C-alpha atoms as a PDB file:
ATOM      1  CA  MET A   1      -1.768 -25.367  -4.543  1.00  0.00           C
ATOM      2  CA  ASN A   2      -2.574 -25.049  -8.257  1.00  0.00           C
ATOM      3  CA  ASP A   3      -6.308 -24.369  -8.237  1.00  0.00           C
ATOM      4  CA  THR A   4      -6.998 -20.686  -9.030  1.00  0.00           C
ATOM      5  CA  VAL A   5     -10.370 -20.658  -7.267  1.00  0.00           C
ATOM      6  CA  ASP A   6      -8.798 -22.046  -4.078  1.00  0.00           C
ATOM      7  CA  LYS A   7      -6.127 -19.344  -4.238  1.00  0.00           C
ATOM      8  CA  LEU A   8      -8.737 -16.635  -4.814  1.00  0.00           C
ATOM      9  CA  VAL A   9     -10.760 -17.818  -1.819  1.00  0.00           C
ATOM     10  CA  LEU A  10      -7.650 -17.714   0.374  1.00  0.00           C
ATOM     11  CA  PHE A  11      -6.709 -14.300  -1.002  1.00  0.00           C
ATOM     12  CA  LEU A  12     -10.150 -12.820  -0.343  1.00  0.00           C
ATOM     13  CA  GLY A  13     -10.227 -14.435   3.098  1.00  0.00           C
ATOM     14  CA  LYS A  14      -7.545 -11.976   4.217  1.00  0.00           C
ATOM     15  CA  ARG A  15      -8.255  -8.336   5.030  1.00  0.00           C
ATOM     16  CA  SER A  16      -5.387  -7.293   2.748  1.00  0.00           C
ATOM     17  CA  GLY A  17      -6.876  -9.332  -0.096  1.00  0.00           C
ATOM     18  CA  ILE A  18     -10.309  -7.721   0.192  1.00  0.00           C
ATOM     19  CA  ASP A  19      -8.649  -4.310   0.396  1.00  0.00           C
ATOM     20  CA  LYS A  20      -6.749  -4.859  -2.874  1.00  0.00           C
ATOM     21  CA  LEU A  21      -9.892  -6.039  -4.669  1.00  0.00           C
ATOM     22  CA  VAL A  22     -11.944  -3.055  -3.499  1.00  0.00           C
ATOM     23  CA  LYS A  23      -9.034  -0.714  -4.241  1.00  0.00           C
ATOM     24  CA  THR A  24      -8.974  -2.026  -7.819  1.00  0.00           C
ATOM     25  CA  ILE A  25     -12.715  -1.290  -8.077  1.00  0.00           C
ATOM     26  CA  GLN A  26     -12.263   2.164  -6.527  1.00  0.00           C
ATOM     27  CA  TYR A  27      -9.607   3.400  -8.934  1.00  0.00           C
ATOM     28  CA  THR A  28     -11.049   1.667 -11.998  1.00  0.00           C
ATOM     29  CA  SER A  29     -14.313   3.471 -11.235  1.00  0.00           C
ATOM     30  CA  LYS A  30     -12.444   6.774 -10.868  1.00  0.00           C
ATOM     31  CA  LEU A  31     -10.915   6.380 -14.328  1.00  0.00           C
ATOM     32  CA  ALA A  32     -14.260   5.216 -15.790  1.00  0.00           C
ATOM     33  CA  HIS A  33     -16.017   8.299 -14.387  1.00  0.00           C
ATOM     34  CA  TRP A  34     -13.415  10.616 -15.931  1.00  0.00           C
ATOM     35  CA  HIS A  35     -13.551   8.827 -19.287  1.00  0.00           C
ATOM     36  CA  LEU A  36     -17.364   8.684 -19.537  1.00  0.00           C
ATOM     37  CA  LEU A  37     -18.289  12.046 -18.012  1.00  0.00           C
ATOM     38  CA  LYS A  38     -18.783  13.913 -21.304  1.00  0.00           C
ATOM     39  CA  THR A  39     -20.205  11.112 -23.449  1.00  0.00           C
ATOM     40  CA  HIS A  40     -22.278   9.087 -20.955  1.00  0.00           C
ATOM     41  CA  PRO A  41     -22.916  11.272 -17.885  1.00  0.00           C
ATOM     42  CA  GLU A  42     -25.459   8.899 -16.335  1.00  0.00           C
ATOM     43  CA  ILE A  43     -23.067   5.912 -16.445  1.00  0.00           C
ATOM     44  CA  ALA A  44     -20.254   8.209 -15.261  1.00  0.00           C
ATOM     45  CA  ASN A  45     -22.339   9.188 -12.232  1.00  0.00           C
ATOM     46  CA  ARG A  46     -22.878   5.529 -11.369  1.00  0.00           C
ATOM     47  CA  ALA A  47     -19.136   4.929 -11.637  1.00  0.00           C
ATOM     48  CA  LYS A  48     -18.555   7.872  -9.289  1.00  0.00           C
ATOM     49  CA  GLN A  49     -20.970   6.435  -6.736  1.00  0.00           C
ATOM     50  CA  TRP A  50     -19.168   3.082  -6.945  1.00  0.00           C
ATOM     51  CA  GLU A  51     -15.845   4.835  -6.405  1.00  0.00           C
ATOM     52  CA  ILE A  52     -17.161   6.646  -3.307  1.00  0.00           C
ATOM     53  CA  ALA A  53     -18.717   3.475  -1.907  1.00  0.00           C
ATOM     54  CA  ALA A  54     -15.504   1.516  -2.482  1.00  0.00           C
ATOM     55  CA  GLY A  55     -13.434   4.210  -0.775  1.00  0.00           C
ATOM     56  CA  LEU A  56     -15.684   4.236   2.297  1.00  0.00           C
ATOM     57  CA  SER A  57     -15.718   0.427   2.374  1.00  0.00           C
ATOM     58  CA  ARG A  58     -11.915   0.327   2.429  1.00  0.00           C
ATOM     59  CA  LYS A  59     -11.866   2.729   5.353  1.00  0.00           C
ATOM     60  CA  ALA A  60     -14.288   0.464   7.222  1.00  0.00           C
ATOM     61  CA  TYR A  61     -12.166  -2.631   6.511  1.00  0.00           C
ATOM     62  CA  ARG A  62      -9.141  -0.850   7.960  1.00  0.00           C
ATOM     63  CA  THR A  63     -10.747  -0.337  11.367  1.00  0.00           C
ATOM     64  CA  GLY A  64      -8.161  -1.093  14.061  1.00  0.00           C
ATOM     65  CA  GLN A  65      -5.367  -1.354  11.501  1.00  0.00           C
ATOM     66  CA  PHE A  66      -3.184   1.132  13.409  1.00  0.00           C
ATOM     67  CA  LEU A  67      -2.684  -1.617  16.010  1.00  0.00           C
ATOM     68  CA  THR A  68      -0.966  -3.725  13.337  1.00  0.00           C
ATOM     69  CA  ALA A  69       1.761  -1.081  12.998  1.00  0.00           C
ATOM     70  CA  PHE A  70       2.213  -1.020  16.763  1.00  0.00           C
ATOM     71  CA  ASN A  71       2.454  -4.819  16.879  1.00  0.00           C
ATOM     72  CA  ASP A  72       4.938  -4.908  13.979  1.00  0.00           C
ATOM     73  CA  LEU A  73       7.111  -2.530  15.949  1.00  0.00           C
ATOM     74  CA  ARG A  74       6.958  -4.804  18.978  1.00  0.00           C
ATOM     75  CA  ARG A  75       7.624  -8.042  17.112  1.00  0.00           C
ATOM     76  CA  ASN A  76      10.028  -7.030  14.332  1.00  0.00           C
ATOM     77  CA  PRO A  77      11.829  -3.737  15.068  1.00  0.00           C
ATOM     78  CA  GLY A  78      14.735  -4.418  12.642  1.00  0.00           C
ATOM     79  CA  ARG A  79      18.168  -6.050  12.654  1.00  0.00           C
ATOM     80  CA  THR A  80      20.341  -2.913  12.875  1.00  0.00           C
ATOM     81  CA  ASP A  81      20.107   0.468  14.610  1.00  0.00           C
ATOM     82  CA  LEU A  82      19.359   2.186  11.280  1.00  0.00           C
ATOM     83  CA  LEU A  83      16.600  -0.287  10.371  1.00  0.00           C
ATOM     84  CA  ARG A  84      15.146  -0.014  13.880  1.00  0.00           C
ATOM     85  CA  THR A  85      15.082   3.780  13.579  1.00  0.00           C
ATOM     86  CA  LEU A  86      13.385   3.575  10.174  1.00  0.00           C
ATOM     87  CA  ALA A  87      10.904   1.050  11.583  1.00  0.00           C
ATOM     88  CA  VAL A  88      10.014   3.337  14.500  1.00  0.00           C
ATOM     89  CA  LEU A  89       9.543   6.364  12.246  1.00  0.00           C
ATOM     90  CA  GLY A  90       7.699   4.418   9.540  1.00  0.00           C
ATOM     91  CA  ASN A  91       5.330   2.674  11.931  1.00  0.00           C
ATOM     92  CA  ALA A  92       4.679   5.945  13.765  1.00  0.00           C
ATOM     93  CA  GLY A  93       3.609   7.446  10.433  1.00  0.00           C
ATOM     94  CA  GLN A  94       1.468   4.394   9.716  1.00  0.00           C
ATOM     95  CA  MET A  95      -0.272   4.627  13.101  1.00  0.00           C
ATOM     96  CA  VAL A  96      -1.016   8.322  12.563  1.00  0.00           C
ATOM     97  CA  TYR A  97      -2.318   7.550   9.081  1.00  0.00           C
ATOM     98  CA  TYR A  98      -4.686   4.787  10.139  1.00  0.00           C
ATOM     99  CA  PHE A  99      -5.885   6.468  13.337  1.00  0.00           C
ATOM    100  CA  PHE A 100      -6.923   9.691  11.593  1.00  0.00           C
ATOM    101  CA  ASP A 101      -8.219   7.680   8.632  1.00  0.00           C
ATOM    102  CA  HIS A 102     -10.652   6.007  11.065  1.00  0.00           C
ATOM    103  CA  LEU A 103     -11.807   9.444  12.243  1.00  0.00           C
ATOM    104  CA  LEU A 104     -12.094  10.619   8.634  1.00  0.00           C
ATOM    105  CA  TRP A 105     -14.338   7.649   7.846  1.00  0.00           C
ATOM    106  CA  LEU A 106     -16.591   8.467  10.827  1.00  0.00           C
ATOM    107  CA  ALA A 107     -16.798  12.102   9.688  1.00  0.00           C
ATOM    108  CA  ARG A 108     -17.730  11.151   6.125  1.00  0.00           C
ATOM    109  CA  ILE A 109     -20.558   8.871   7.227  1.00  0.00           C
ATOM    110  CA  GLY A 110     -21.894  11.537   9.592  1.00  0.00           C
ATOM    111  CA  VAL A 111     -21.004  10.032  12.973  1.00  0.00           C
ATOM    112  CA  ILE A 112     -18.764  12.963  13.984  1.00  0.00           C
ATOM    113  CA  ASP A 113     -18.571  16.598  12.874  1.00  0.00           C
ATOM    114  CA  GLY A 114     -17.682  16.753   9.189  1.00  0.00           C
ATOM    115  CA  LYS A 115     -16.212  20.278   9.474  1.00  0.00           C
ATOM    116  CA  ILE A 116     -12.849  18.861  10.528  1.00  0.00           C
ATOM    117  CA  THR A 117     -12.641  16.465   7.585  1.00  0.00           C
ATOM    118  CA  SER A 118     -10.007  18.484   5.740  1.00  0.00           C
ATOM    119  CA  LYS A 119      -7.731  18.694   8.792  1.00  0.00           C
ATOM    120  CA  MET A 120      -8.021  14.971   9.508  1.00  0.00           C
ATOM    121  CA  GLY A 121      -7.430  14.181   5.845  1.00  0.00           C
ATOM    122  CA  PHE A 122      -4.265  16.282   5.841  1.00  0.00           C
ATOM    123  CA  ILE A 123      -2.862  14.715   9.043  1.00  0.00           C
ATOM    124  CA  SER A 124      -3.714  11.203   7.842  1.00  0.00           C
ATOM    125  CA  ALA A 125      -2.092  11.763   4.431  1.00  0.00           C
ATOM    126  CA  PHE A 126       0.982  13.388   6.001  1.00  0.00           C
ATOM    127  CA  GLY A 127       1.530  10.372   8.265  1.00  0.00           C
ATOM    128  CA  GLU A 128       0.939   8.079   5.292  1.00  0.00           C
ATOM    129  CA  ALA A 129       3.530   9.915   3.169  1.00  0.00           C
ATOM    130  CA  LEU A 130       6.145   9.660   5.936  1.00  0.00           C
ATOM    131  CA  TRP A 131       5.406   5.942   6.307  1.00  0.00           C
ATOM    132  CA  TYR A 132       6.085   5.355   2.607  1.00  0.00           C
ATOM    133  CA  VAL A 133       9.337   7.354   2.647  1.00  0.00           C
ATOM    134  CA  PHE A 134      10.765   5.336   5.542  1.00  0.00           C
ATOM    135  CA  ASN A 135       9.444   2.066   4.070  1.00  0.00           C
ATOM    136  CA  ILE A 136      11.103   2.694   0.710  1.00  0.00           C
ATOM    137  CA  THR A 137      14.365   3.687   2.403  1.00  0.00           C
ATOM    138  CA  ALA A 138      14.393   0.487   4.488  1.00  0.00           C
ATOM    139  CA  ASP A 139      13.614  -1.647   1.429  1.00  0.00           C
ATOM    140  CA  LEU A 140      16.472  -0.056  -0.532  1.00  0.00           C
ATOM    141  CA  ILE A 141      18.882  -0.808   2.316  1.00  0.00           C
ATOM    142  CA  LEU A 142      17.718  -4.442   2.543  1.00  0.00           C
ATOM    143  CA  ILE A 143      17.810  -4.947  -1.240  1.00  0.00           C
ATOM    144  CA  THR A 144      21.382  -3.594  -1.345  1.00  0.00           C
ATOM    145  CA  ALA A 145      22.391  -5.906   1.511  1.00  0.00           C
ATOM    146  CA  GLY A 146      20.789  -8.839  -0.327  1.00  0.00           C
ATOM    147  CA  ILE A 147      22.714  -8.068  -3.530  1.00  0.00           C
ATOM    148  CA  ARG A 148      25.989  -7.981  -1.584  1.00  0.00           C
ATOM    149  CA  GLU A 149      25.192 -11.313   0.078  1.00  0.00           C
ATOM    150  CA  GLU A 150      24.233 -12.854  -3.265  1.00  0.00           C
ATOM    151  CA  ARG A 151      27.558 -11.765  -4.807  1.00  0.00           C
ATOM    152  CA  ARG A 152      29.456 -13.170  -1.818  1.00  0.00           C
ATOM    153  CA  ILE A 153      27.770 -16.563  -2.235  1.00  0.00           C
ATOM    154  CA  VAL A 154      28.386 -16.624  -6.005  1.00  0.00           C
ATOM    155  CA  LYS A 155      32.092 -15.843  -5.510  1.00  0.00           C
ATOM    156  CA  ALA A 156      32.480 -18.653  -2.972  1.00  0.00           C
ATOM    157  CA  PRO A 157      34.930 -21.400  -4.153  1.00  0.00           C
ATOM    158  CA  SER A 158      32.307 -24.142  -4.077  1.00  0.00           C
ATOM    159  CA  GLU A 159      28.658 -23.194  -4.411  1.00  0.00           C
ATOM    160  CA  SER A 160      26.622 -25.696  -2.378  1.00  0.00           C
ATOM    161  CA  GLU A 161      22.950 -26.584  -2.680  1.00  0.00           C
ATOM    162  CA  GLN A 162      22.399 -24.593   0.496  1.00  0.00           C
ATOM    163  CA  GLY A 163      24.022 -21.586  -1.190  1.00  0.00           C
ATOM    164  CA  LYS A 164      21.775 -21.936  -4.251  1.00  0.00           C
ATOM    165  CA  ALA A 165      18.709 -22.119  -2.028  1.00  0.00           C
ATOM    166  CA  LYS A 166      19.833 -18.987  -0.211  1.00  0.00           C
ATOM    167  CA  ILE A 167      20.294 -17.149  -3.513  1.00  0.00           C
ATOM    168  CA  GLU A 168      16.753 -18.099  -4.569  1.00  0.00           C
ATOM    169  CA  LYS A 169      15.444 -16.809  -1.251  1.00  0.00           C
ATOM    170  CA  ILE A 170      17.331 -13.530  -1.701  1.00  0.00           C
ATOM    171  CA  LYS A 171      15.949 -13.110  -5.233  1.00  0.00           C
ATOM    172  CA  MET A 172      12.383 -13.750  -4.082  1.00  0.00           C
ATOM    173  CA  ASP A 173      12.792 -11.287  -1.225  1.00  0.00           C
ATOM    174  CA  ARG A 174      14.124  -8.712  -3.695  1.00  0.00           C
ATOM    175  CA  VAL A 175      11.126  -9.131  -6.011  1.00  0.00           C
ATOM    176  CA  MET A 176       8.694  -8.734  -3.092  1.00  0.00           C
ATOM    177  CA  ARG A 177      10.499  -5.633  -1.846  1.00  0.00           C
ATOM    178  CA  LEU A 178      10.534  -4.100  -5.344  1.00  0.00           C
ATOM    179  CA  MET A 179       6.787  -4.709  -5.598  1.00  0.00           C
ATOM    180  CA  GLY A 180       6.380  -3.117  -2.175  1.00  0.00           C
ATOM    181  CA  MET A 181       8.414  -0.103  -3.318  1.00  0.00           C
ATOM    182  CA  ALA A 182       6.239   0.215  -6.440  1.00  0.00           C
ATOM    183  CA  ALA A 183       3.095   0.188  -4.290  1.00  0.00           C
ATOM    184  CA  ASP A 184       4.557   2.634  -1.759  1.00  0.00           C
ATOM    185  CA  SER A 185       5.727   5.025  -4.505  1.00  0.00           C
ATOM    186  CA  ALA A 186       2.276   4.988  -6.123  1.00  0.00           C
ATOM    187  CA  ASP A 187       0.519   5.531  -2.800  1.00  0.00           C
ATOM    188  CA  PHE A 188       3.003   8.302  -1.952  1.00  0.00           C
ATOM    189  CA  ALA A 189       1.831  10.203  -5.052  1.00  0.00           C
ATOM    190  CA  ILE A 190      -1.782   9.836  -3.869  1.00  0.00           C
ATOM    191  CA  ALA A 191      -0.850  11.060  -0.378  1.00  0.00           C
ATOM    192  CA  ILE A 192       1.008  14.080  -1.799  1.00  0.00           C
ATOM    193  CA  ALA A 193      -2.165  15.014  -3.702  1.00  0.00           C
ATOM    194  CA  GLU A 194      -3.792  15.486  -0.283  1.00  0.00           C
ATOM    195  CA  VAL A 195      -0.839  17.064   1.542  1.00  0.00           C
ATOM    196  CA  GLU A 196       0.374  19.413  -1.211  1.00  0.00           C
ATOM    197  CA  PRO A 197      -2.192  19.590  -4.042  1.00  0.00           C
ATOM    198  CA  ASN A 198      -0.664  20.106  -7.481  1.00  0.00           C
ATOM    199  CA  PRO A 199      -1.825  19.650 -11.108  1.00  0.00           C
ATOM    200  CA  PHE A 200       0.199  16.474 -11.684  1.00  0.00           C
ATOM    201  CA  CYS A 201      -0.567  14.458  -8.531  1.00  0.00           C
ATOM    202  CA  ASN A 202      -4.202  15.603  -8.418  1.00  0.00           C
ATOM    203  CA  HIS A 203      -4.954  14.723 -12.039  1.00  0.00           C
ATOM    204  CA  VAL A 204      -7.467  11.890 -12.355  1.00  0.00           C
ATOM    205  CA  ILE A 205      -5.132   9.830 -14.558  1.00  0.00           C
ATOM    206  CA  THR A 206      -2.260  10.139 -12.061  1.00  0.00           C
ATOM    207  CA  LEU A 207      -4.502   9.180  -9.145  1.00  0.00           C
ATOM    208  CA  GLY A 208      -6.192   6.364 -11.058  1.00  0.00           C
ATOM    209  CA  ILE A 209      -3.029   4.769 -12.408  1.00  0.00           C
ATOM    210  CA  SER A 210      -1.220   5.176  -9.063  1.00  0.00           C
ATOM    211  CA  GLY A 211      -4.105   3.481  -7.261  1.00  0.00           C
ATOM    212  CA  LEU A 212      -4.133   0.582  -9.707  1.00  0.00           C
ATOM    213  CA  ILE A 213      -0.335   0.131  -9.547  1.00  0.00           C
ATOM    214  CA  SER A 214      -0.577  -0.057  -5.752  1.00  0.00           C
ATOM    215  CA  ALA A 215      -3.524  -2.457  -5.878  1.00  0.00           C
ATOM    216  CA  TRP A 216      -1.933  -4.796  -8.433  1.00  0.00           C
ATOM    217  CA  ALA A 217       1.389  -4.843  -6.584  1.00  0.00           C
ATOM    218  CA  GLY A 218      -0.622  -5.841  -3.520  1.00  0.00           C
ATOM    219  CA  TRP A 219      -2.322  -8.602  -5.494  1.00  0.00           C
ATOM    220  CA  TYR A 220       1.082  -9.975  -6.458  1.00  0.00           C
ATOM    221  CA  ARG A 221       2.521  -9.822  -2.933  1.00  0.00           C
ATOM    222  CA  ASN A 222      -0.521 -11.343  -1.217  1.00  0.00           C
ATOM    223  CA  TRP A 223      -1.506 -13.969  -3.813  1.00  0.00           C
ATOM    224  CA  PRO A 224      -1.076 -17.480  -2.334  1.00  0.00           C
ATOM    225  CA  SER A 225       1.890 -19.427  -3.715  1.00  0.00           C
END
């Protein structure tokens, strides 16, 4: 498939694709609001409203997403005991994150009591942060295993076509995992801003750039080949 429009249609036809597009809008608007606040306050206010709307839209799109983590755990728990343990812990964090994120969305649109918003935000972000830690750890283990396998194939006396194809597959898997780690690291910084507020993580530039790194890594990983 070489047609860009066809690829874009397929990309936006997936929930993950829509999420990455709206996430790009959300964090671009955040940076625009910060940049324009002093010079063009009216335009900055519009950017802020777009950021808020995009954030709420993403929460709506994620409705029921915690079931995906549960299903991933059922279908693909991992090849080794260590990977299975990381999968259980990571998916547990993901389920906590999405479940309380759903409640947070309902609180922000006025369906349930908004007084508990801060507590739900903290629990959701804490689960999210744990999810990213275990995800990154698992990816590092799998990347290391892939490098070892690649070296073993290269050192083989006669490198077959099958071996070359396997090396290409390992390299592609490594690129995808590195992109996933970039996204997870960026999102981890955003989660820490909620769990343990600090001047660095809570700065608009840190949040904006982290959000865009995560979004663009998601674009790369989900873009049709």
